[in-house]
C-alpha atoms as a PDB file:
ATOM      1  CA  MET A   1     -11.787  27.104   4.316  1.00  0.00           C
ATOM      2  CA  HIS A   2     -14.965  28.186   6.222  1.00  0.00           C
ATOM      3  CA  GLN A   3     -14.920  26.587   9.844  1.00  0.00           C
ATOM      4  CA  THR A   4     -16.850  26.908  13.241  1.00  0.00           C
ATOM      5  CA  HIS A   5     -15.296  25.653  16.415  1.00  0.00           C
ATOM      6  CA  GLY A   6     -13.557  22.819  14.156  1.00  0.00           C
ATOM      7  CA  MET A   7     -16.235  21.822  12.287  1.00  0.00           C
ATOM      8  CA  VAL A   8     -16.568  22.096   8.255  1.00  0.00           C
ATOM      9  CA  GLU A   9     -19.702  24.202   7.563  1.00  0.00           C
ATOM     10  CA  GLU A  10     -22.715  22.439   5.646  1.00  0.00           C
ATOM     11  CA  ARG A  11     -22.944  24.693   2.867  1.00  0.00           C
ATOM     12  CA  ALA A  12     -21.573  24.281  -0.791  1.00  0.00           C
ATOM     13  CA  ASP A  13     -19.717  27.823  -2.422  1.00  0.00           C
ATOM     14  CA  PRO A  14     -21.829  28.735  -4.886  1.00  0.00           C
ATOM     15  CA  ALA A  15     -18.422  29.210  -6.702  1.00  0.00           C
ATOM     16  CA  SER A  16     -17.698  25.758  -6.298  1.00  0.00           C
ATOM     17  CA  PRO A  17     -17.856  23.375  -9.271  1.00  0.00           C
ATOM     18  CA  ASP A  18     -19.480  21.269  -6.994  1.00  0.00           C
ATOM     19  CA  ALA A  19     -22.216  23.372  -6.053  1.00  0.00           C
ATOM     20  CA  GLY A  20     -26.045  22.315  -6.647  1.00  0.00           C
ATOM     21  CA  ARG A  21     -24.686  18.730  -6.805  1.00  0.00           C
ATOM     22  CA  GLY A  22     -25.846  16.019  -4.877  1.00  0.00           C
ATOM     23  CA  SER A  23     -25.359  15.356  -1.371  1.00  0.00           C
ATOM     24  CA  ARG A  24     -22.827  12.890  -1.404  1.00  0.00           C
ATOM     25  CA  LEU A  25     -19.364  13.714  -1.422  1.00  0.00           C
ATOM     26  CA  VAL A  26     -16.607  11.689  -3.155  1.00  0.00           C
ATOM     27  CA  SER A  27     -12.486  12.197  -2.372  1.00  0.00           C
ATOM     28  CA  VAL A  28     -10.109  10.828  -4.494  1.00  0.00           C
ATOM     29  CA  VAL A  29      -6.627  10.511  -1.966  1.00  0.00           C
ATOM     30  CA  VAL A  30      -3.520  11.057  -4.128  1.00  0.00           C
ATOM     31  CA  PRO A  31      -0.024  10.211  -3.239  1.00  0.00           C
ATOM     32  CA  VAL A  32       2.672  12.634  -4.568  1.00  0.00           C
ATOM     33  CA  TYR A  33       6.527  12.055  -4.193  1.00  0.00           C
ATOM     34  CA  ASN A  34       8.522  13.823  -6.999  1.00  0.00           C
ATOM     35  CA  GLU A  35       6.283  14.298  -9.885  1.00  0.00           C
ATOM     36  CA  ARG A  36       6.110  17.842 -10.902  1.00  0.00           C
ATOM     37  CA  ASP A  37       6.483  16.825 -14.635  1.00  0.00           C
ATOM     38  CA  GLY A  38       3.050  14.600 -14.769  1.00  0.00           C
ATOM     39  CA  ILE A  39       0.943  16.295 -11.541  1.00  0.00           C
ATOM     40  CA  ALA A  40      -0.717  18.998 -14.132  1.00  0.00           C
ATOM     41  CA  GLU A  41      -1.564  16.843 -16.748  1.00  0.00           C
ATOM     42  CA  PHE A  42      -3.241  14.509 -14.426  1.00  0.00           C
ATOM     43  CA  HIS A  43      -5.251  16.598 -12.452  1.00  0.00           C
ATOM     44  CA  ARG A  44      -6.358  18.056 -16.270  1.00  0.00           C
ATOM     45  CA  ARG A  45      -7.532  14.195 -16.660  1.00  0.00           C
ATOM     46  CA  LEU A  46      -8.911  13.886 -13.056  1.00  0.00           C
ATOM     47  CA  ALA A  47     -10.219  17.068 -12.890  1.00  0.00           C
ATOM     48  CA  ALA A  48     -12.547  16.133 -15.927  1.00  0.00           C
ATOM     49  CA  VAL A  49     -13.968  12.891 -14.110  1.00  0.00           C
ATOM     50  CA  LEU A  50     -14.295  14.756 -11.450  1.00  0.00           C
ATOM     51  CA  ASP A  51     -17.149  17.222 -13.406  1.00  0.00           C
ATOM     52  CA  ARG A  52     -18.697  14.767 -15.091  1.00  0.00           C
ATOM     53  CA  LEU A  53     -20.184  12.870 -12.051  1.00  0.00           C
ATOM     54  CA  PRO A  54     -23.326  13.906  -9.966  1.00  0.00           C
ATOM     55  CA  HIS A  55     -21.869  14.304  -6.758  1.00  0.00           C
ATOM     56  CA  ALA A  56     -19.604  16.849  -4.999  1.00  0.00           C
ATOM     57  CA  GLY A  57     -15.988  15.899  -5.355  1.00  0.00           C
ATOM     58  CA  GLU A  58     -12.673  16.961  -3.084  1.00  0.00           C
ATOM     59  CA  ILE A  59      -9.142  16.218  -4.069  1.00  0.00           C
ATOM     60  CA  VAL A  60      -6.780  14.948  -1.497  1.00  0.00           C
ATOM     61  CA  TYR A  61      -2.751  15.217  -2.820  1.00  0.00           C
ATOM     62  CA  VAL A  62      -0.221  14.069  -0.523  1.00  0.00           C
ATOM     63  CA  ASN A  63       2.784  15.798  -0.782  1.00  0.00           C
ATOM     64  CA  ASP A  64       5.109  12.652   0.700  1.00  0.00           C
ATOM     65  CA  GLY A  65       8.720  14.653   0.689  1.00  0.00           C
ATOM     66  CA  SER A  66       8.958  15.481  -2.564  1.00  0.00           C
ATOM     67  CA  THR A  67      12.503  17.223  -3.380  1.00  0.00           C
ATOM     68  CA  ASP A  68      11.702  18.274  -7.039  1.00  0.00           C
ATOM     69  CA  GLY A  69       9.346  21.311  -6.669  1.00  0.00           C
ATOM     70  CA  SER A  70       6.300  19.159  -6.444  1.00  0.00           C
ATOM     71  CA  LEU A  71       4.898  21.418  -3.877  1.00  0.00           C
ATOM     72  CA  ALA A  72       4.754  24.119  -5.617  1.00  0.00           C
ATOM     73  CA  ALA A  73       3.196  22.853  -8.403  1.00  0.00           C
ATOM     74  CA  LEU A  74       0.332  20.990  -5.953  1.00  0.00           C
ATOM     75  CA  LEU A  75      -0.016  24.512  -4.291  1.00  0.00           C
ATOM     76  CA  GLU A  76      -0.573  26.013  -8.054  1.00  0.00           C
ATOM     77  CA  ILE A  77      -3.688  23.292  -8.332  1.00  0.00           C
ATOM     78  CA  ARG A  78      -5.077  24.224  -5.583  1.00  0.00           C
ATOM     79  CA  ALA A  79      -5.229  28.105  -5.968  1.00  0.00           C
ATOM     80  CA  ALA A  80      -6.837  27.315  -9.390  1.00  0.00           C
ATOM     81  CA  ASP A  81      -9.145  24.172  -8.267  1.00  0.00           C
ATOM     82  CA  GLY A  82     -10.848  24.758  -4.680  1.00  0.00           C
ATOM     83  CA  ARG A  83     -11.647  21.400  -4.885  1.00  0.00           C
ATOM     84  CA  ALA A  84      -8.069  20.286  -3.981  1.00  0.00           C
ATOM     85  CA  ALA A  85      -6.673  19.922  -0.710  1.00  0.00           C
ATOM     86  CA  VAL A  86      -2.512  20.006  -0.323  1.00  0.00           C
ATOM     87  CA  ILE A  87      -1.531  17.930   2.722  1.00  0.00           C
ATOM     88  CA  ASP A  88       2.819  18.603   3.299  1.00  0.00           C
ATOM     89  CA  LEU A  89       4.484  15.726   5.449  1.00  0.00           C
ATOM     90  CA  SER A  90       7.276  17.065   7.273  1.00  0.00           C
ATOM     91  CA  ARG A  91       9.390  14.709   5.529  1.00  0.00           C
ATOM     92  CA  ASN A  92       9.361  11.011   3.170  1.00  0.00           C
ATOM     93  CA  PHE A  93       7.198   8.686   5.228  1.00  0.00           C
ATOM     94  CA  GLY A  94       6.567   6.185   2.187  1.00  0.00           C
ATOM     95  CA  LYS A  95       3.907   5.886   0.102  1.00  0.00           C
ATOM     96  CA  GLU A  96       2.231   3.242   2.258  1.00  0.00           C
ATOM     97  CA  VAL A  97       2.686   6.213   4.772  1.00  0.00           C
ATOM     98  CA  ALA A  98       1.655   8.977   2.416  1.00  0.00           C
ATOM     99  CA  MET A  99      -1.723   6.751   1.294  1.00  0.00           C
ATOM    100  CA  THR A 100      -2.716   6.370   4.579  1.00  0.00           C
ATOM    101  CA  ALA A 101      -2.804   9.835   5.770  1.00  0.00           C
ATOM    102  CA  GLY A 102      -4.924  11.112   2.822  1.00  0.00           C
ATOM    103  CA  ILE A 103      -7.117   8.676   4.082  1.00  0.00           C
ATOM    104  CA  ASP A 104      -7.190   9.950   7.346  1.00  0.00           C
ATOM    105  CA  HIS A 105      -7.606  13.291   5.515  1.00  0.00           C
ATOM    106  CA  ALA A 106     -10.413  12.542   3.409  1.00  0.00           C
ATOM    107  CA  ARG A 107     -14.465  13.063   4.207  1.00  0.00           C
ATOM    108  CA  GLY A 108     -16.201  11.437   1.464  1.00  0.00           C
ATOM    109  CA  ASP A 109     -19.194   9.079   1.580  1.00  0.00           C
ATOM    110  CA  ALA A 110     -16.613   7.079  -1.028  1.00  0.00           C
ATOM    111  CA  VAL A 111     -12.879   7.702  -0.891  1.00  0.00           C
ATOM    112  CA  VAL A 112     -10.412   6.733  -4.254  1.00  0.00           C
ATOM    113  CA  VAL A 113      -7.640   5.836  -4.220  1.00  0.00           C
ATOM    114  CA  ILE A 114      -5.165   6.725  -7.227  1.00  0.00           C
ATOM    115  CA  ASP A 115      -1.631   6.842  -7.978  1.00  0.00           C
ATOM    116  CA  ALA A 116      -0.510  10.497  -9.839  1.00  0.00           C
ATOM    117  CA  ASP A 117       1.595   9.045 -12.685  1.00  0.00           C
ATOM    118  CA  LEU A 118      -1.217   8.112 -15.084  1.00  0.00           C
ATOM    119  CA  GLN A 119      -0.723   4.871 -14.824  1.00  0.00           C
ATOM    120  CA  ASP A 120      -3.926   3.971 -13.032  1.00  0.00           C
ATOM    121  CA  PRO A 121      -6.199   5.716 -15.379  1.00  0.00           C
ATOM    122  CA  PRO A 122      -8.825   8.396 -13.849  1.00  0.00           C
ATOM    123  CA  GLU A 123     -11.531   7.905 -16.498  1.00  0.00           C
ATOM    124  CA  LEU A 124     -12.081   4.706 -14.716  1.00  0.00           C
ATOM    125  CA  ILE A 125     -13.177   5.982 -11.500  1.00  0.00           C
ATOM    126  CA  PRO A 126     -16.936   6.064 -12.617  1.00  0.00           C
ATOM    127  CA  GLU A 127     -16.821   2.618 -13.453  1.00  0.00           C
ATOM    128  CA  LEU A 128     -15.245   1.571  -9.542  1.00  0.00           C
ATOM    129  CA  LEU A 129     -18.130   4.179  -8.153  1.00  0.00           C
ATOM    130  CA  ARG A 130     -20.798   2.848 -10.116  1.00  0.00           C
ATOM    131  CA  TRP A 131     -20.317  -0.816  -7.933  1.00  0.00           C
ATOM    132  CA  TRP A 132     -19.848   1.351  -5.108  1.00  0.00           C
ATOM    133  CA  GLU A 133     -23.349   3.232  -5.087  1.00  0.00           C
ATOM    134  CA  GLU A 134     -25.879   0.637  -7.307  1.00  0.00           C
ATOM    135  CA  GLU A 135     -24.405  -2.639  -6.177  1.00  0.00           C
ATOM    136  CA  GLY A 136     -23.164  -1.580  -2.711  1.00  0.00           C
ATOM    137  CA  TYR A 137     -19.582  -3.258  -2.685  1.00  0.00           C
ATOM    138  CA  ASP A 138     -17.279  -1.599  -0.394  1.00  0.00           C
ATOM    139  CA  VAL A 139     -13.808  -1.913  -1.869  1.00  0.00           C
ATOM    140  CA  VAL A 140     -13.924  -2.215  -5.432  1.00  0.00           C
ATOM    141  CA  TYR A 141      -9.964  -2.107  -6.877  1.00  0.00           C
ATOM    142  CA  ALA A 142      -8.748  -2.374 -10.476  1.00  0.00           C
ATOM    143  CA  ARG A 143      -7.331  -5.326 -11.356  1.00  0.00           C
ATOM    144  CA  ARG A 144      -4.906  -4.846 -14.137  1.00  0.00           C
ATOM    145  CA  GLU A 145      -4.695  -7.138 -17.708  1.00  0.00           C
ATOM    146  CA  SER A 146      -1.946  -5.990 -18.714  1.00  0.00           C
ATOM    147  CA  ARG A 147       1.241  -3.282 -18.203  1.00  0.00           C
ATOM    148  CA  ALA A 148       2.012  -0.947 -20.306  1.00  0.00           C
ATOM    149  CA  GLY A 149       5.697   0.587 -20.185  1.00  0.00           C
ATOM    150  CA  GLU A 150       7.500  -2.143 -18.402  1.00  0.00           C
ATOM    151  CA  THR A 151      10.233  -4.636 -18.482  1.00  0.00           C
ATOM    152  CA  ALA A 152       9.577  -8.017 -18.995  1.00  0.00           C
ATOM    153  CA  LEU A 153      11.274  -8.756 -15.849  1.00  0.00           C
ATOM    154  CA  LYS A 154       9.193  -6.163 -14.084  1.00  0.00           C
ATOM    155  CA  LYS A 155       6.175  -7.490 -15.279  1.00  0.00           C
ATOM    156  CA  LEU A 156       7.695 -11.449 -14.249  1.00  0.00           C
ATOM    157  CA  THR A 157       8.566 -10.874 -10.959  1.00  0.00           C
ATOM    158  CA  SER A 158       5.159  -9.389  -9.972  1.00  0.00           C
ATOM    159  CA  TYR A 159       3.634 -11.726 -11.256  1.00  0.00           C
ATOM    160  CA  LEU A 160       5.464 -13.993  -9.274  1.00  0.00           C
ATOM    161  CA  PHE A 161       5.297 -11.725  -6.310  1.00  0.00           C
ATOM    162  CA  TYR A 162       1.726 -11.979  -6.087  1.00  0.00           C
ATOM    163  CA  ARG A 163       1.466 -15.485  -6.591  1.00  0.00           C
ATOM    164  CA  VAL A 164       3.821 -16.683  -4.034  1.00  0.00           C
ATOM    165  CA  ILE A 165       2.161 -13.742  -1.594  1.00  0.00           C
ATOM    166  CA  GLY A 166      -1.217 -15.106  -2.190  1.00  0.00           C
ATOM    167  CA  ARG A 167       0.119 -18.657  -1.036  1.00  0.00           C
ATOM    168  CA  LEU A 168       1.607 -17.510   2.147  1.00  0.00           C
ATOM    169  CA  SER A 169      -0.737 -14.849   3.262  1.00  0.00           C
ATOM    170  CA  ARG A 170      -3.691 -15.738   6.090  1.00  0.00           C
ATOM    171  CA  VAL A 171      -5.635 -13.128   4.113  1.00  0.00           C
ATOM    172  CA  ASP A 172      -7.295 -13.730   0.728  1.00  0.00           C
ATOM    173  CA  LEU A 173      -5.117 -11.212  -1.145  1.00  0.00           C
ATOM    174  CA  PRO A 174      -6.479 -10.820  -5.249  1.00  0.00           C
ATOM    175  CA  PRO A 175      -3.377 -11.150  -7.407  1.00  0.00           C
ATOM    176  CA  ASP A 176      -2.733  -8.170  -9.957  1.00  0.00           C
ATOM    177  CA  SER A 177      -3.871  -5.316  -8.210  1.00  0.00           C
ATOM    178  CA  GLY A 178      -2.588  -2.334  -6.875  1.00  0.00           C
ATOM    179  CA  ASP A 179      -3.479   0.435  -5.067  1.00  0.00           C
ATOM    180  CA  PHE A 180      -6.456   2.307  -7.157  1.00  0.00           C
ATOM    181  CA  ARG A 181      -9.374   1.246  -5.646  1.00  0.00           C
ATOM    182  CA  VAL A 182     -13.033   3.017  -4.003  1.00  0.00           C
ATOM    183  CA  LEU A 183     -13.814   2.797  -0.326  1.00  0.00           C
ATOM    184  CA  SER A 184     -16.941   3.429   1.207  1.00  0.00           C
ATOM    185  CA  ARG A 185     -16.949   5.364   4.591  1.00  0.00           C
ATOM    186  CA  ARG A 186     -17.743   2.197   6.435  1.00  0.00           C
ATOM    187  CA  ALA A 187     -14.736   0.312   4.742  1.00  0.00           C
ATOM    188  CA  VAL A 188     -12.401   3.810   4.980  1.00  0.00           C
ATOM    189  CA  ASP A 189     -13.198   4.420   9.386  1.00  0.00           C
ATOM    190  CA  GLY A 190     -12.447   0.419   9.845  1.00  0.00           C
ATOM    191  CA  LEU A 191      -9.086   0.980   8.183  1.00  0.00           C
ATOM    192  CA  MET A 192      -8.744   4.155  10.101  1.00  0.00           C
ATOM    193  CA  ARG A 193      -8.403   1.456  13.645  1.00  0.00           C
ATOM    194  CA  VAL A 194      -5.748  -0.278  11.908  1.00  0.00           C
ATOM    195  CA  ARG A 195      -2.482   1.763  12.635  1.00  0.00           C
ATOM    196  CA  GLU A 196       0.655  -0.838  12.317  1.00  0.00           C
ATOM    197  CA  GLN A 197       4.047   0.916  11.976  1.00  0.00           C
ATOM    198  CA  HIS A 198       4.897  -1.551   8.818  1.00  0.00           C
ATOM    199  CA  ARG A 199       1.925  -1.405   6.691  1.00  0.00           C
ATOM    200  CA  TYR A 200       1.298  -3.146   3.014  1.00  0.00           C
ATOM    201  CA  MET A 201      -1.681  -1.660   2.389  1.00  0.00           C
ATOM    202  CA  LYS A 202      -2.778  -4.044  -0.306  1.00  0.00           C
ATOM    203  CA  GLY A 203      -2.835  -6.633   2.310  1.00  0.00           C
ATOM    204  CA  LEU A 204      -4.729  -4.139   4.825  1.00  0.00           C
ATOM    205  CA  PHE A 205      -7.711  -3.410   2.001  1.00  0.00           C
ATOM    206  CA  SER A 206      -8.414  -6.663   1.922  1.00  0.00           C
ATOM    207  CA  TRP A 207      -7.824  -7.561   5.628  1.00  0.00           C
ATOM    208  CA  ILE A 208     -10.831  -4.927   6.524  1.00  0.00           C
ATOM    209  CA  GLY A 209     -12.852  -7.308   4.912  1.00  0.00           C
ATOM    210  CA  TYR A 210     -16.488  -6.326   3.708  1.00  0.00           C
ATOM    211  CA  ARG A 211     -17.702  -6.994   0.471  1.00  0.00           C
ATOM    212  CA  GLN A 212     -15.329  -6.588  -2.493  1.00  0.00           C
ATOM    213  CA  LYS A 213     -15.460  -6.197  -6.129  1.00  0.00           C
ATOM    214  CA  ALA A 214     -12.946  -6.793  -9.148  1.00  0.00           C
ATOM    215  CA  VAL A 215     -12.687  -4.787 -12.362  1.00  0.00           C
ATOM    216  CA  SER A 216     -10.529  -5.318 -14.871  1.00  0.00           C
ATOM    217  CA  TYR A 217      -8.294  -2.251 -16.608  1.00  0.00           C
ATOM    218  CA  ARG A 218      -5.476  -2.292 -19.320  1.00  0.00           C
ATOM    219  CA  ARG A 219      -2.562  -0.305 -17.159  1.00  0.00           C
ATOM    220  CA  GLU A 220      -0.981   2.645 -18.981  1.00  0.00           C
ATOM    221  CA  PRO A 221       2.273   3.487 -19.208  1.00  0.00           C
ATOM    222  CA  ARG A 222       3.861   6.297 -17.087  1.00  0.00           C
ATOM    223  CA  HIS A 223       3.154  10.058 -18.770  1.00  0.00           C
ATOM    224  CA  ALA A 224       6.087  11.378 -16.965  1.00  0.00           C
ATOM    225  CA  GLY A 225       8.996  10.737 -14.771  1.00  0.00           C
ATOM    226  CA  LYS A 226      10.896   7.618 -13.942  1.00  0.00           C
ATOM    227  CA  THR A 227       9.322   5.273 -11.614  1.00  0.00           C
ATOM    228  CA  LYS A 228      10.661   5.136  -7.553  1.00  0.00           C
ATOM    229  CA  TRP A 229      10.575   1.784  -7.544  1.00  0.00           C
ATOM    230  CA  ASN A 230      13.944   0.300  -8.457  1.00  0.00           C
ATOM    231  CA  TYR A 231      14.890  -3.797  -7.128  1.00  0.00           C
ATOM    232  CA  VAL A 232      15.895  -2.958  -3.837  1.00  0.00           C
ATOM    233  CA  ARG A 233      12.903  -1.152  -2.788  1.00  0.00           C
ATOM    234  CA  LEU A 234      10.678  -4.041  -4.637  1.00  0.00           C
ATOM    235  CA  TRP A 235      12.438  -6.418  -2.473  1.00  0.00           C
ATOM    236  CA  ASN A 236      12.145  -4.521   0.651  1.00  0.00           C
ATOM    237  CA  PHE A 237       8.868  -4.092   0.302  1.00  0.00           C
ATOM    238  CA  SER A 238       7.940  -7.737  -0.830  1.00  0.00           C
ATOM    239  CA  LEU A 239       9.473  -8.593   2.492  1.00  0.00           C
ATOM    240  CA  GLU A 240       7.276  -5.938   4.194  1.00  0.00           C
ATOM    241  CA  ALA A 241       4.297  -7.988   2.869  1.00  0.00           C
ATOM    242  CA  ILE A 242       4.856 -11.235   3.561  1.00  0.00           C
ATOM    243  CA  THR A 243       6.270 -10.696   7.382  1.00  0.00           C
ATOM    244  CA  SER A 244       2.629  -8.156   7.182  1.00  0.00           C
ATOM    245  CA  PHE A 245       1.084 -11.006   6.294  1.00  0.00           C
ATOM    246  CA  SER A 246       1.971 -14.694   6.793  1.00  0.00           C
ATOM    247  CA  VAL A 247       4.429 -16.571   9.608  1.00  0.00           C
ATOM    248  CA  LEU A 248       5.069 -19.091   6.645  1.00  0.00           C
ATOM    249  CA  PRO A 249       8.408 -18.609   7.125  1.00  0.00           C
ATOM    250  CA  LEU A 250       9.098 -18.745  11.088  1.00  0.00           C
ATOM    251  CA  LYS A 251       7.323 -22.390  10.466  1.00  0.00           C
ATOM    252  CA  VAL A 252       9.917 -23.612   7.516  1.00  0.00           C
ATOM    253  CA  ALA A 253      11.927 -22.817   9.726  1.00  0.00           C
ATOM    254  CA  THR A 254      11.261 -25.008  12.499  1.00  0.00           C
ATOM    255  CA  TYR A 255       9.718 -27.633  10.084  1.00  0.00           C
ATOM    256  CA  LEU A 256      13.210 -27.255   8.079  1.00  0.00           C
ATOM    257  CA  GLY A 257      15.091 -27.482  11.740  1.00  0.00           C
ATOM    258  CA  LEU A 258      13.526 -30.773  12.465  1.00  0.00           C
ATOM    259  CA  LEU A 259      14.016 -32.306   9.490  1.00  0.00           C
ATOM    260  CA  VAL A 260      18.016 -31.924  10.098  1.00  0.00           C
ATOM    261  CA  ALA A 261      18.011 -32.606  13.649  1.00  0.00           C
ATOM    262  CA  LEU A 262      16.144 -35.930  12.142  1.00  0.00           C
ATOM    263  CA  PHE A 263      18.690 -36.417   9.728  1.00  0.00           C
ATOM    264  CA  ALA A 264      21.220 -35.759  12.316  1.00  0.00           C
ATOM    265  CA  PHE A 265      20.334 -38.279  14.638  1.00  0.00           C
ATOM    266  CA  CYS A 266      19.875 -40.973  11.868  1.00  0.00           C
ATOM    267  CA  TYR A 267      23.362 -40.280  10.678  1.00  0.00           C
ATOM    268  CA  GLY A 268      24.566 -40.236  14.169  1.00  0.00           C
ATOM    269  CA  GLY A 269      23.464 -43.840  14.280  1.00  0.00           C
ATOM    270  CA  LEU A 270      24.501 -45.234  11.243  1.00  0.00           C
ATOM    271  CA  ILE A 271      28.114 -43.646  12.641  1.00  0.00           C
ATOM    272  CA  ILE A 272      27.915 -45.753  16.168  1.00  0.00           C
ATOM    273  CA  PHE A 273      26.647 -48.707  14.151  1.00  0.00           C
ATOM    274  CA  ARG A 274      29.862 -48.862  11.802  1.00  0.00           C
ATOM    275  CA  THR A 275      32.105 -48.148  14.210  1.00  0.00           C
ATOM    276  CA  LEU A 276      30.539 -50.490  16.331  1.00  0.00           C
ATOM    277  CA  ALA A 277      30.767 -53.218  13.501  1.00  0.00           C
ATOM    278  CA  PHE A 278      34.207 -52.870  11.446  1.00  0.00           C
ATOM    279  CA  GLY A 279      35.602 -49.996  14.147  1.00  0.00           C
ATOM    280  CA  SER A 280      36.626 -46.779  13.801  1.00  0.00           C
ATOM    281  CA  ASP A 281      37.529 -44.855  11.060  1.00  0.00           C
ATOM    282  CA  VAL A 282      38.692 -40.961   9.662  1.00  0.00           C
ATOM    283  CA  PRO A 283      36.094 -39.280   8.533  1.00  0.00           C
ATOM    284  CA  GLY A 284      37.185 -37.151   5.398  1.00  0.00           C
ATOM    285  CA  TYR A 285      37.447 -33.069   5.506  1.00  0.00           C
ATOM    286  CA  PRO A 286      35.409 -32.953   2.334  1.00  0.00           C
ATOM    287  CA  SER A 287      32.240 -34.066   3.970  1.00  0.00           C
ATOM    288  CA  ILE A 288      32.928 -32.525   6.874  1.00  0.00           C
ATOM    289  CA  MET A 289      33.200 -29.198   5.696  1.00  0.00           C
ATOM    290  CA  VAL A 290      30.118 -29.464   3.764  1.00  0.00           C
ATOM    291  CA  VAL A 291      27.685 -30.547   6.309  1.00  0.00           C
ATOM    292  CA  VAL A 292      29.292 -27.633   8.639  1.00  0.00           C
ATOM    293  CA  LEU A 293      28.875 -25.128   5.884  1.00  0.00           C
ATOM    294  CA  LEU A 294      25.424 -26.355   4.991  1.00  0.00           C
ATOM    295  CA  LEU A 295      23.747 -26.672   8.411  1.00  0.00           C
ATOM    296  CA  GLY A 296      25.882 -22.997   9.339  1.00  0.00           C
ATOM    297  CA  GLY A 297      23.953 -21.529   5.616  1.00  0.00           C
ATOM    298  CA  ILE A 298      20.609 -22.888   7.342  1.00  0.00           C
ATOM    299  CA  GLN A 299      20.987 -21.497  10.351  1.00  0.00           C
ATOM    300  CA  LEU A 300      22.283 -17.962   9.714  1.00  0.00           C
ATOM    301  CA  THR A 301      19.334 -17.781   6.891  1.00  0.00           C
ATOM    302  CA  PHE A 302      16.580 -18.368   9.667  1.00  0.00           C
ATOM    303  CA  ILE A 303      18.537 -16.019  11.918  1.00  0.00           C
ATOM    304  CA  GLY A 304      18.190 -13.232   9.444  1.00  0.00           C
ATOM    305  CA  VAL A 305      14.287 -14.717   9.000  1.00  0.00           C
ATOM    306  CA  LEU A 306      13.866 -14.542  12.870  1.00  0.00           C
ATOM    307  CA  GLY A 307      15.538 -11.205  12.727  1.00  0.00           C
ATOM    308  CA  GLU A 308      13.158  -9.493  10.173  1.00  0.00           C
ATOM    309  CA  TYR A 309       9.871 -10.438  12.610  1.00  0.00           C
ATOM    310  CA  VAL A 310      11.739  -8.942  15.788  1.00  0.00           C
ATOM    311  CA  ALA A 311      12.972  -6.132  13.784  1.00  0.00           C
ATOM    312  CA  ARG A 312       8.876  -5.610  13.337  1.00  0.00           C
ATOM    313  CA  ILE A 313       8.253  -6.025  16.613  1.00  0.00           C
ATOM    314  CA  PHE A 314      10.752  -3.515  17.937  1.00  0.00           C
ATOM    315  CA  GLY A 315       9.107  -0.598  15.364  1.00  0.00           C
ATOM    316  CA  GLU A 316       5.159  -1.285  16.968  1.00  0.00           C
ATOM    317  CA  THR A 317       6.524  -1.104  20.452  1.00  0.00           C
ATOM    318  CA  LYS A 318       8.236   2.655  19.996  1.00  0.00           C
ATOM    319  CA  GLN A 319       4.909   3.114  18.968  1.00  0.00           C
ATOM    320  CA  ARG A 320       5.687   6.490  17.168  1.00  0.00           C
ATOM    321  CA  PRO A 321       3.442   8.375  14.589  1.00  0.00           C
ATOM    322  CA  LEU A 322       2.710   7.034  11.357  1.00  0.00           C
ATOM    323  CA  TYR A 323       3.603  10.643  10.238  1.00  0.00           C
ATOM    324  CA  LEU A 324       3.683  14.557  10.834  1.00  0.00           C
ATOM    325  CA  ILE A 325       2.351  17.011   8.651  1.00  0.00           C
ATOM    326  CA  GLN A 326       4.366  20.428   8.091  1.00  0.00           C
ATOM    327  CA  ASP A 327       1.206  21.529   6.843  1.00  0.00           C
ATOM    328  CA  ILE A 328      -2.197  21.226   5.947  1.00  0.00           C
ATOM    329  CA  HIS A 329      -4.031  23.800   2.917  1.00  0.00           C
ATOM    330  CA  GLU A 330      -7.382  22.831   2.898  1.00  0.00           C
ATOM    331  CA  SER A 331     -10.311  22.356  -0.502  1.00  0.00           C
ATOM    332  CA  SER A 332     -12.980  25.016  -0.413  1.00  0.00           C
ATOM    333  CA  PRO A 333     -16.550  23.798   1.249  1.00  0.00           C
ATOM    334  CA  THR A 334     -18.692  21.465  -0.738  1.00  0.00           C
ATOM    335  CA  ALA A 335     -21.441  20.096  -1.335  1.00  0.00           C
ATOM    336  CA  GLY A 336     -21.919  16.791   1.474  1.00  0.00           C
ATOM    337  CA  SER A 337     -19.138  17.458   3.611  1.00  0.00           C
ATOM    338  CA  ARG A 338     -18.256  15.963   6.573  1.00  0.00           C
ATOM    339  CA  PRO A 339     -17.518  17.253   9.902  1.00  0.00           C
ATOM    340  CA  VAL A 340     -13.537  16.997   9.644  1.00  0.00           C
ATOM    341  CA  ASP A 341     -13.523  17.008  13.633  1.00  0.00           C
ATOM    342  CA  GLY A 342     -13.817  13.128  14.175  1.00  0.00           C
ATOM    343  CA  ARG A 343     -10.628  12.538  12.006  1.00  0.00           C
ATOM    344  CA  ARG A 344      -8.656   9.764  14.141  1.00  0.00           C
ATOM    345  CA  ALA A 345      -5.362  12.064  14.444  1.00  0.00           C
ATOM    346  CA  PRO A 346      -1.821  10.424  13.205  1.00  0.00           C
END
């Protein structure tokens, strides 16, 4: 990579596929975790799309601690296509952080975020870019009309999750939208200022605001391999989303506690009245157990809810970096490249 004092030279490589194109640069950020079997086909389709764009392009692959040989496959892609860069993280940090690492290092005037499993078609990228370039939208996100290759249970839980988080969140979160989207440079710069540890990127994409546009599409089945999202990981991801963008569970705990306290106060008054009017009686054991177990269950549940928020406060106070990089394999310089020394450090 041609650099001078940490700056990318503002010239195109004559051998680059992007030589002679427009001065604007489109970056594509691709988080990768154990996608060896499908990454070559993904790159073939993505490269074909970039070849047709009127702008220079770069592809930022982020290897998120893959263990199946994905890194070797990515390095082969980089050797064959000078537009590809590979960021190799020091371990698996999770998809949300891997996306953040890629966005941090993307130099484009527009940044595309897309998964490597080909469920989101790269062929939709020109349509997303059109709304950014011609209409001036800062965030253009793809909204799923259908989800091919997924079970009925997965579709149902996904449908319910997006509706629940949309109701709970203090930010308007669009339903049925994933991470596949285009971000303007202004949106990227705003997003890079948000460095919270527990990251729900779909929420952060909405939180930054600016002009946003939805483009509908049909989601395809995975090209190869198996999904990395089992139901345990999806449940934890849901908790991450809710606690990141809503304090309603804490409010529910407060209101339910007040309601139970009011009920207990009224019931205590009834017991006192009955004792004064009719004398004391021996309470039934079953009713006592029901009340004790009910109150105990409610208390333990909301202690757990409180613990989820406290754990996130604890994580933020440690101020650890979001990720660490083992190695960076830069792309070749392209027309419209931006200086890299202005990027925010992880």
